């Protein structure tokens, strides 16, 4: 049986006890996965995008912003 790989991963940038940068390094195991980072900190946007996120969504943005980001990265 083959394990399914996700197409898109939505990741909170401030995971307790886990550096999000570790997860970006894991991307080499599944290079086709698209990464969307979320944070309540506006300054995290640049850090996430520099670390390799395909998109960033602020937690204060309306749900439509999250949906648009997920649709955008899933379409390539």
Protein backbone atom coordinates (compact mmCIF):
# COMPACT_ATOMS: atom_id res chain seq x y z
CA UNK A 1 0.00 0.00 0.00
CA UNK A 2 1.34 3.43 -0.94
CA UNK A 3 1.13 6.34 1.51
CA UNK A 4 -0.76 9.37 0.29
CA UNK A 5 1.16 12.62 0.10
CA UNK A 6 -0.65 15.90 0.71
CA UNK A 7 -0.95 18.44 -2.08
CA UNK A 8 -1.19 21.44 0.26
CA UNK A 9 -0.10 21.82 3.89
CA UNK A 10 -1.52 24.61 6.06
CA UNK A 11 0.93 25.33 8.87
CA UNK A 12 0.75 27.62 11.88
CA UNK A 13 4.04 29.50 11.88
CA UNK A 14 4.24 29.46 15.71
CA UNK A 15 3.94 25.76 16.50
CA UNK A 16 4.69 25.22 20.22
CA UNK A 17 7.80 23.12 20.67
CA UNK A 18 8.52 22.85 16.95
CA UNK A 19 10.37 25.19 14.66
CA UNK A 20 8.50 25.68 11.42
CA UNK A 21 11.88 25.83 9.66
CA UNK A 22 12.27 22.09 10.33
CA UNK A 23 9.12 21.44 8.35
CA UNK A 24 10.40 23.46 5.38
CA UNK A 25 13.49 21.23 5.35
CA UNK A 26 11.23 18.19 5.21
CA UNK A 27 9.89 19.55 1.93
CA UNK A 28 12.77 17.83 0.17
CA UNK A 29 11.02 14.53 0.92
CA UNK A 30 7.95 15.66 -1.00
CA UNK A 31 8.91 18.56 -3.26
CA UNK A 32 5.50 18.83 -4.89
CA UNK A 33 3.75 19.74 -1.63
CA UNK A 34 2.64 23.38 -1.46
CA UNK A 35 3.05 25.16 1.89
CA UNK A 36 0.73 27.84 3.26
CA UNK A 37 1.83 29.49 6.51
CA UNK A 38 -0.50 31.22 8.97
CA UNK A 39 0.34 33.59 11.79
CA UNK A 40 -1.16 36.26 13.96
CA UNK A 41 2.12 38.16 13.72
CA UNK A 42 2.40 40.39 10.68
CA UNK A 43 6.21 40.27 10.82
CA UNK A 44 6.06 36.48 10.29
CA UNK A 45 4.94 37.01 6.67
CA UNK A 46 8.40 37.85 5.38
CA UNK A 47 10.07 35.13 7.48
CA UNK A 48 7.67 32.46 6.22
CA UNK A 49 8.00 33.46 2.58
CA UNK A 50 11.80 33.64 2.88
CA UNK A 51 11.77 30.16 4.42
CA UNK A 52 9.97 28.77 1.40
CA UNK A 53 6.25 29.11 2.05
CA UNK A 54 4.23 29.34 -1.14
CA UNK A 55 1.72 31.66 0.53
CA UNK A 56 1.08 33.39 3.84
CA UNK A 57 -2.22 34.17 5.51
CA UNK A 58 -2.64 36.39 8.54
CA UNK A 59 -4.95 35.02 11.21
CA UNK A 60 -6.81 38.33 11.24
CA UNK A 61 -7.68 38.03 7.55
CA UNK A 62 -11.24 37.00 6.69
CA UNK A 63 -11.86 33.33 5.79
CA UNK A 64 -12.02 34.29 2.12
CA UNK A 65 -8.31 35.19 2.28
CA UNK A 66 -7.45 31.73 3.53
CA UNK A 67 -9.59 30.07 0.88
CA UNK A 68 -8.03 32.20 -1.85
CA UNK A 69 -4.51 31.29 -0.70
CA UNK A 70 -5.33 27.58 -0.57
CA UNK A 71 -6.93 27.67 -4.02
CA UNK A 72 -4.05 29.66 -5.46
CA UNK A 73 -1.30 27.30 -4.29
CA UNK A 74 -3.29 24.17 -5.15
CA UNK A 75 -3.65 25.43 -8.73
CA UNK A 76 0.07 26.09 -8.96
